[in-house]
Amino acid sequence: MNRSLTCLLIVLIGLLTGCGVAPAVVAQGDLRITLATEPATPLAGRDTVVTLGISQSGRPLEAAAVGLQRRMPGMEHASDQELVSAAALGDGRYQAQTSFTMGGRWELVVTITTQDGAAQAVIVPLEVDQPGTVAD
């Protein structure tokens, strides 16, 4: 009896710890962007901290100007043309705070401008929950 209970607890703990949301990773050319949010699944109408890890040719990208635009595919009225600047944290990491108007599938258009003036935009998909649809 105790052995069965122990096995059940191990399985439950494994399932619960595996429920976190993995960061999104997008590669485009020699750029690689890892996106993590706090909360892990953004909620519509609430502030979300977006942290980006950006590498170029396998090395952290330093001293770049990084901006974010929120876009909801097929819902132009929900998209926002405002460019949110991300602050450099060091080691190729950048952070910005933003919010989303509604739940659903969004895209973050990450614009990266390097010191030599070269600019590149990378689209990172993101799922946003509506308050009341998850434990908040």
N, C-alpha and C. Protein backbone atom coordinates (compact mmCIF):
# COMPACT_ATOMS: atom_id res chain seq x y z
N MET A 1 0.82 -1.20 0.00
CA MET A 1 0.00 0.00 0.00
C MET A 1 0.86 1.26 0.00
N ASN A 2 1.87 1.32 0.88
CA ASN A 2 2.74 2.49 0.94
C ASN A 2 3.52 2.66 -0.36
N ARG A 3 3.92 1.54 -0.96
CA ARG A 3 4.68 1.59 -2.21
C ARG A 3 3.82 2.18 -3.34
N SER A 4 2.57 1.80 -3.41
CA SER A 4 1.66 2.35 -4.42
C SER A 4 1.45 3.84 -4.22
N LEU A 5 1.29 4.25 -2.98
CA LEU A 5 1.10 5.66 -2.68
C LEU A 5 2.35 6.46 -3.05
N THR A 6 3.51 5.93 -2.75
CA THR A 6 4.77 6.59 -3.09
C THR A 6 4.90 6.75 -4.60
N CYS A 7 4.60 5.70 -5.35
CA CYS A 7 4.66 5.77 -6.82
C CYS A 7 3.68 6.81 -7.36
N LEU A 8 2.48 6.84 -6.81
CA LEU A 8 1.49 7.81 -7.24
C LEU A 8 1.96 9.24 -6.98
N LEU A 9 2.54 9.48 -5.81
CA LEU A 9 3.05 10.81 -5.49
C LEU A 9 4.18 11.22 -6.43
N ILE A 10 5.06 10.31 -6.75
CA ILE A 10 6.16 10.61 -7.67
C ILE A 10 5.62 10.99 -9.04
N VAL A 11 4.63 10.25 -9.52
CA VAL A 11 4.03 10.56 -10.82
C VAL A 11 3.35 11.93 -10.78
N LEU A 12 2.59 12.22 -9.73
CA LEU A 12 1.91 13.51 -9.62
C LEU A 12 2.90 14.67 -9.56
N ILE A 13 3.96 14.52 -8.79
CA ILE A 13 4.97 15.58 -8.71
C ILE A 13 5.62 15.79 -10.07
N GLY A 14 5.90 14.72 -10.77
CA GLY A 14 6.48 14.84 -12.11
C GLY A 14 5.57 15.56 -13.07
N LEU A 15 4.28 15.25 -13.01
CA LEU A 15 3.31 15.92 -13.88
C LEU A 15 3.18 17.40 -13.55
N LEU A 16 3.13 17.72 -12.27
CA LEU A 16 2.97 19.12 -11.87
C LEU A 16 4.19 19.96 -12.21
N THR A 17 5.38 19.42 -12.03
CA THR A 17 6.58 20.21 -12.34
C THR A 17 6.77 20.35 -13.83
N GLY A 18 6.17 19.50 -14.62
CA GLY A 18 6.28 19.60 -16.07
C GLY A 18 5.24 20.51 -16.69
N CYS A 19 4.43 21.18 -15.87
CA CYS A 19 3.36 22.02 -16.40
C CYS A 19 3.79 23.44 -16.73
N GLY A 20 5.03 23.81 -16.46
CA GLY A 20 5.50 25.15 -16.77
C GLY A 20 5.53 25.38 -18.26
N VAL A 21 5.54 26.66 -18.64
CA VAL A 21 5.57 27.02 -20.05
C VAL A 21 7.02 27.22 -20.45
N ALA A 22 7.46 26.49 -21.46
CA ALA A 22 8.83 26.62 -21.94
C ALA A 22 8.97 27.91 -22.72
N PRO A 23 10.15 28.55 -22.62
CA PRO A 23 10.36 29.76 -23.41
C PRO A 23 10.27 29.47 -24.91
N ALA A 24 9.76 30.43 -25.66
CA ALA A 24 9.70 30.30 -27.13
C ALA A 24 11.09 30.58 -27.69
N VAL A 25 11.49 29.81 -28.67
CA VAL A 25 12.78 30.00 -29.34
C VAL A 25 12.52 30.14 -30.83
N VAL A 26 13.03 31.22 -31.41
CA VAL A 26 12.87 31.47 -32.84
C VAL A 26 14.25 31.76 -33.42
N ALA A 27 14.56 31.10 -34.52
CA ALA A 27 15.83 31.35 -35.22
C ALA A 27 15.52 31.91 -36.60
N GLN A 28 16.27 32.94 -36.97
CA GLN A 28 16.12 33.55 -38.29
C GLN A 28 17.51 33.99 -38.74
N GLY A 29 18.00 33.37 -39.80
CA GLY A 29 19.36 33.67 -40.24
C GLY A 29 20.35 33.33 -39.14
N ASP A 30 21.23 34.26 -38.81
CA ASP A 30 22.21 34.00 -37.75
C ASP A 30 21.72 34.47 -36.38
N LEU A 31 20.46 34.94 -36.31
CA LEU A 31 19.88 35.38 -35.04
C LEU A 31 19.09 34.25 -34.39
N ARG A 32 19.17 34.21 -33.07
CA ARG A 32 18.37 33.26 -32.28
C ARG A 32 17.79 34.06 -31.11
N ILE A 33 16.47 33.98 -30.97
CA ILE A 33 15.78 34.72 -29.91
C ILE A 33 15.04 33.74 -29.02
N THR A 34 15.27 33.87 -27.72
CA THR A 34 14.54 33.10 -26.72
C THR A 34 13.66 34.09 -25.97
N LEU A 35 12.37 33.80 -25.92
CA LEU A 35 11.42 34.69 -25.26
C LEU A 35 10.84 34.01 -24.03
N ALA A 36 10.85 34.72 -22.92
CA ALA A 36 10.20 34.26 -21.69
C ALA A 36 9.35 35.41 -21.18
N THR A 37 8.21 35.09 -20.56
CA THR A 37 7.33 36.13 -20.03
C THR A 37 7.04 35.87 -18.56
N GLU A 38 6.69 36.94 -17.86
CA GLU A 38 6.23 36.85 -16.48
C GLU A 38 4.95 37.66 -16.40
N PRO A 39 3.81 37.03 -16.16
CA PRO A 39 3.63 35.61 -15.89
C PRO A 39 3.97 34.75 -17.10
N ALA A 40 4.20 33.46 -16.83
CA ALA A 40 4.61 32.53 -17.89
C ALA A 40 3.63 32.52 -19.05
N THR A 41 2.34 32.58 -18.75
CA THR A 41 1.32 32.76 -19.79
C THR A 41 0.69 34.12 -19.55
N PRO A 42 0.95 35.09 -20.43
CA PRO A 42 0.41 36.43 -20.24
C PRO A 42 -1.12 36.43 -20.17
N LEU A 43 -1.66 37.36 -19.40
CA LEU A 43 -3.11 37.53 -19.28
C LEU A 43 -3.51 38.86 -19.90
N ALA A 44 -4.57 38.85 -20.69
CA ALA A 44 -5.07 40.06 -21.34
C ALA A 44 -5.38 41.12 -20.29
N GLY A 45 -5.01 42.36 -20.59
CA GLY A 45 -5.32 43.47 -19.70
C GLY A 45 -4.41 43.61 -18.51
N ARG A 46 -3.42 42.75 -18.38
CA ARG A 46 -2.49 42.81 -17.25
C ARG A 46 -1.08 43.01 -17.77
N ASP A 47 -0.25 43.64 -16.95
CA ASP A 47 1.14 43.86 -17.35
C ASP A 47 1.88 42.54 -17.50
N THR A 48 2.71 42.48 -18.52
CA THR A 48 3.54 41.32 -18.80
C THR A 48 4.97 41.79 -18.98
N VAL A 49 5.90 41.15 -18.28
CA VAL A 49 7.32 41.43 -18.47
C VAL A 49 7.84 40.44 -19.50
N VAL A 50 8.42 40.98 -20.56
CA VAL A 50 8.96 40.17 -21.66
C VAL A 50 10.48 40.21 -21.56
N THR A 51 11.11 39.04 -21.47
CA THR A 51 12.56 38.96 -21.45
C THR A 51 13.02 38.20 -22.69
N LEU A 52 13.92 38.82 -23.42
CA LEU A 52 14.46 38.23 -24.66
C LEU A 52 15.93 37.91 -24.47
N GLY A 53 16.32 36.72 -24.87
CA GLY A 53 17.73 36.37 -24.97
C GLY A 53 18.06 36.36 -26.45
N ILE A 54 19.00 37.20 -26.87
CA ILE A 54 19.30 37.33 -28.29
C ILE A 54 20.76 36.98 -28.54
N SER A 55 20.97 36.05 -29.46
CA SER A 55 22.34 35.71 -29.86
C SER A 55 22.46 35.84 -31.37
N GLN A 56 23.68 36.16 -31.80
CA GLN A 56 23.98 36.27 -33.22
C GLN A 56 25.23 35.46 -33.48
N SER A 57 25.12 34.54 -34.41
CA SER A 57 26.23 33.63 -34.73
C SER A 57 26.71 32.90 -33.48
N GLY A 58 25.78 32.56 -32.59
CA GLY A 58 26.09 31.77 -31.41
C GLY A 58 26.62 32.56 -30.22
N ARG A 59 26.76 33.89 -30.35
CA ARG A 59 27.26 34.73 -29.26
C ARG A 59 26.18 35.71 -28.82
N PRO A 60 26.12 36.01 -27.50
CA PRO A 60 25.14 36.98 -27.03
C PRO A 60 25.28 38.31 -27.78
N LEU A 61 24.16 38.87 -28.19
CA LEU A 61 24.17 40.14 -28.93
C LEU A 61 24.10 41.29 -27.93
N GLU A 62 25.18 42.05 -27.86
CA GLU A 62 25.27 43.18 -26.93
C GLU A 62 25.07 44.49 -27.67
N ALA A 63 24.74 45.52 -26.93
CA ALA A 63 24.68 46.90 -27.41
C ALA A 63 23.80 47.08 -28.65
N ALA A 64 22.68 46.40 -28.68
CA ALA A 64 21.73 46.57 -29.78
C ALA A 64 20.54 47.38 -29.27
N ALA A 65 19.86 48.04 -30.18
CA ALA A 65 18.58 48.68 -29.85
C ALA A 65 17.50 47.66 -30.18
N VAL A 66 16.70 47.31 -29.18
CA VAL A 66 15.68 46.27 -29.35
C VAL A 66 14.31 46.87 -29.03
N GLY A 67 13.37 46.67 -29.94
CA GLY A 67 12.01 47.14 -29.74
C GLY A 67 11.00 46.05 -30.02
N LEU A 68 9.82 46.17 -29.43
CA LEU A 68 8.74 45.19 -29.59
C LEU A 68 7.48 45.89 -30.10
N GLN A 69 6.82 45.23 -31.02
CA GLN A 69 5.48 45.64 -31.44
C GLN A 69 4.56 44.44 -31.25
N ARG A 70 3.37 44.69 -30.72
CA ARG A 70 2.39 43.62 -30.51
C ARG A 70 1.47 43.59 -31.72
N ARG A 71 1.24 42.37 -32.21
CA ARG A 71 0.37 42.22 -33.39
C ARG A 71 -0.47 40.96 -33.21
N MET A 72 -1.77 41.09 -33.47
CA MET A 72 -2.67 39.94 -33.41
C MET A 72 -3.09 39.61 -34.84
N PRO A 73 -2.62 38.49 -35.37
CA PRO A 73 -2.93 38.14 -36.76
C PRO A 73 -4.43 38.12 -37.03
N GLY A 74 -4.85 38.81 -38.10
CA GLY A 74 -6.25 38.84 -38.49
C GLY A 74 -7.11 39.79 -37.69
N MET A 75 -6.53 40.47 -36.73
CA MET A 75 -7.29 41.37 -35.85
C MET A 75 -6.58 42.71 -35.77
N GLU A 76 -6.56 43.44 -36.87
CA GLU A 76 -5.80 44.68 -36.92
C GLU A 76 -6.20 45.67 -35.83
N HIS A 77 -7.49 45.65 -35.43
CA HIS A 77 -7.93 46.57 -34.38
C HIS A 77 -7.30 46.26 -33.03
N ALA A 78 -6.85 45.03 -32.83
CA ALA A 78 -6.23 44.65 -31.56
C ALA A 78 -4.73 44.89 -31.58
N SER A 79 -4.16 45.03 -32.77
CA SER A 79 -2.72 45.22 -32.90
C SER A 79 -2.35 46.64 -32.46
N ASP A 80 -1.12 46.80 -32.06
CA ASP A 80 -0.65 48.07 -31.55
C ASP A 80 0.57 48.50 -32.34
N GLN A 81 0.53 49.69 -32.90
CA GLN A 81 1.66 50.17 -33.69
C GLN A 81 2.76 50.77 -32.83
N GLU A 82 2.51 50.93 -31.53
CA GLU A 82 3.51 51.50 -30.63
C GLU A 82 4.72 50.56 -30.54
N LEU A 83 5.91 51.13 -30.63
CA LEU A 83 7.14 50.36 -30.47
C LEU A 83 7.59 50.51 -29.02
N VAL A 84 7.67 49.40 -28.31
CA VAL A 84 8.10 49.40 -26.91
C VAL A 84 9.59 49.08 -26.89
N SER A 85 10.38 49.98 -26.31
CA SER A 85 11.82 49.76 -26.24
C SER A 85 12.15 48.78 -25.13
N ALA A 86 13.08 47.88 -25.40
CA ALA A 86 13.53 46.91 -24.41
C ALA A 86 14.86 47.39 -23.83
N ALA A 87 15.00 47.28 -22.52
CA ALA A 87 16.23 47.68 -21.83
C ALA A 87 17.24 46.54 -21.88
N ALA A 88 18.51 46.88 -22.09
CA ALA A 88 19.58 45.88 -22.10
C ALA A 88 19.89 45.46 -20.67
N LEU A 89 19.92 44.14 -20.43
CA LEU A 89 20.25 43.60 -19.12
C LEU A 89 21.67 43.07 -19.08
N GLY A 90 22.31 42.95 -20.24
CA GLY A 90 23.64 42.37 -20.33
C GLY A 90 23.57 40.92 -20.77
N ASP A 91 24.66 40.42 -21.28
CA ASP A 91 24.78 39.03 -21.72
C ASP A 91 23.74 38.67 -22.78
N GLY A 92 23.40 39.64 -23.65
CA GLY A 92 22.45 39.38 -24.73
C GLY A 92 21.00 39.33 -24.30
N ARG A 93 20.71 39.79 -23.08
CA ARG A 93 19.33 39.76 -22.60
C ARG A 93 18.74 41.17 -22.59
N TYR A 94 17.47 41.25 -22.98
CA TYR A 94 16.76 42.52 -23.06
C TYR A 94 15.38 42.33 -22.44
N GLN A 95 14.85 43.41 -21.83
CA GLN A 95 13.57 43.27 -21.13
C GLN A 95 12.68 44.49 -21.37
N ALA A 96 11.38 44.22 -21.51
CA ALA A 96 10.38 45.27 -21.69
C ALA A 96 9.11 44.87 -20.96
N GLN A 97 8.29 45.86 -20.66
CA GLN A 97 6.99 45.60 -20.05
C GLN A 97 5.92 46.04 -21.02
N THR A 98 4.89 45.21 -21.16
CA THR A 98 3.81 45.51 -22.10
C THR A 98 2.52 44.88 -21.59
N SER A 99 1.46 45.02 -22.34
CA SER A 99 0.20 44.34 -22.03
C SER A 99 -0.52 44.04 -23.34
N PHE A 100 -1.51 43.18 -23.27
CA PHE A 100 -2.26 42.74 -24.44
C PHE A 100 -3.74 43.01 -24.21
N THR A 101 -4.45 43.43 -25.26
CA THR A 101 -5.84 43.85 -25.11
C THR A 101 -6.83 42.70 -24.99
N MET A 102 -6.48 41.53 -25.51
CA MET A 102 -7.40 40.38 -25.45
C MET A 102 -6.62 39.08 -25.50
N GLY A 103 -7.28 38.01 -25.11
CA GLY A 103 -6.65 36.70 -25.17
C GLY A 103 -6.61 36.18 -26.60
N GLY A 104 -5.70 35.25 -26.85
CA GLY A 104 -5.59 34.65 -28.17
C GLY A 104 -4.14 34.59 -28.63
N ARG A 105 -3.99 34.27 -29.90
CA ARG A 105 -2.65 34.16 -30.48
C ARG A 105 -2.15 35.55 -30.90
N TRP A 106 -0.99 35.91 -30.42
CA TRP A 106 -0.35 37.17 -30.74
C TRP A 106 1.01 36.90 -31.37
N GLU A 107 1.55 37.93 -31.96
CA GLU A 107 2.93 37.90 -32.45
C GLU A 107 3.64 39.13 -31.89
N LEU A 108 4.84 38.91 -31.42
CA LEU A 108 5.70 40.02 -31.06
C LEU A 108 6.66 40.22 -32.22
N VAL A 109 6.66 41.41 -32.80
CA VAL A 109 7.61 41.73 -33.85
C VAL A 109 8.80 42.37 -33.13
N VAL A 110 9.89 41.62 -33.06
CA VAL A 110 11.10 42.07 -32.36
C VAL A 110 12.01 42.72 -33.40
N THR A 111 12.24 44.02 -33.24
CA THR A 111 13.12 44.75 -34.15
C THR A 111 14.46 44.95 -33.47
N ILE A 112 15.51 44.49 -34.13
CA ILE A 112 16.87 44.54 -33.58
C ILE A 112 17.72 45.40 -34.49
N THR A 113 18.31 46.45 -33.93
CA THR A 113 19.21 47.31 -34.69
C THR A 113 20.58 47.24 -34.02
N THR A 114 21.57 46.74 -34.75
CA THR A 114 22.92 46.59 -34.21
C THR A 114 23.68 47.92 -34.30
N GLN A 115 24.85 47.97 -33.67
CA GLN A 115 25.65 49.20 -33.64
C GLN A 115 26.02 49.71 -35.02
N ASP A 116 26.14 48.81 -35.99
CA ASP A 116 26.51 49.24 -37.35
C ASP A 116 25.29 49.75 -38.14
N GLY A 117 24.12 49.80 -37.49
CA GLY A 117 22.92 50.34 -38.13
C GLY A 117 22.07 49.31 -38.85
N ALA A 118 22.53 48.07 -38.91
CA ALA A 118 21.76 47.01 -39.57
C ALA A 118 20.54 46.68 -38.71
N ALA A 119 19.37 46.63 -39.35
CA ALA A 119 18.13 46.34 -38.63
C ALA A 119 17.50 45.07 -39.18
N GLN A 120 16.91 44.30 -38.27
CA GLN A 120 16.24 43.07 -38.66
C GLN A 120 15.02 42.89 -37.77
N ALA A 121 13.92 42.42 -38.34
CA ALA A 121 12.71 42.14 -37.57
C ALA A 121 12.48 40.63 -37.54
N VAL A 122 12.17 40.13 -36.36
CA VAL A 122 11.90 38.70 -36.16
C VAL A 122 10.54 38.58 -35.48
N ILE A 123 9.69 37.70 -35.99
CA ILE A 123 8.36 37.49 -35.42
C ILE A 123 8.39 36.31 -34.46
N VAL A 124 7.94 36.57 -33.23
CA VAL A 124 7.90 35.54 -32.19
C VAL A 124 6.44 35.32 -31.79
N PRO A 125 5.90 34.10 -31.98
CA PRO A 125 4.51 33.84 -31.60
C PRO A 125 4.35 33.77 -30.09
N LEU A 126 3.16 34.15 -29.62
CA LEU A 126 2.89 34.19 -28.20
C LEU A 126 1.40 33.94 -27.97
N GLU A 127 1.08 33.14 -26.98
CA GLU A 127 -0.31 32.86 -26.63
C GLU A 127 -0.67 33.65 -25.37
N VAL A 128 -1.78 34.38 -25.41
CA VAL A 128 -2.24 35.20 -24.29
C VAL A 128 -3.58 34.67 -23.83
N ASP A 129 -3.72 34.47 -22.52
CA ASP A 129 -4.98 33.98 -21.96
C ASP A 129 -5.89 35.14 -21.57
N GLN A 130 -7.18 34.88 -21.61
CA GLN A 130 -8.19 35.84 -21.15
C GLN A 130 -8.34 35.62 -19.65
N PRO A 131 -8.37 36.67 -18.81
CA PRO A 131 -8.57 36.46 -17.37
C PRO A 131 -9.83 35.63 -17.12
N GLY A 132 -9.74 34.75 -16.15
CA GLY A 132 -10.87 33.89 -15.83
C GLY A 132 -10.80 32.54 -16.53
N THR A 133 -9.89 32.38 -17.50
CA THR A 133 -9.77 31.09 -18.20
C THR A 133 -8.67 30.23 -17.61
N VAL A 134 -7.82 30.83 -16.77
CA VAL A 134 -6.78 30.09 -16.06
C VAL A 134 -6.80 30.54 -14.62
N ALA A 135 -6.12 29.81 -13.76
CA ALA A 135 -6.03 30.22 -12.36
C ALA A 135 -5.16 31.46 -12.28
N ASP A 136 -5.76 32.61 -11.97
CA ASP A 136 -4.97 33.84 -11.89
C ASP A 136 -5.04 34.45 -10.55
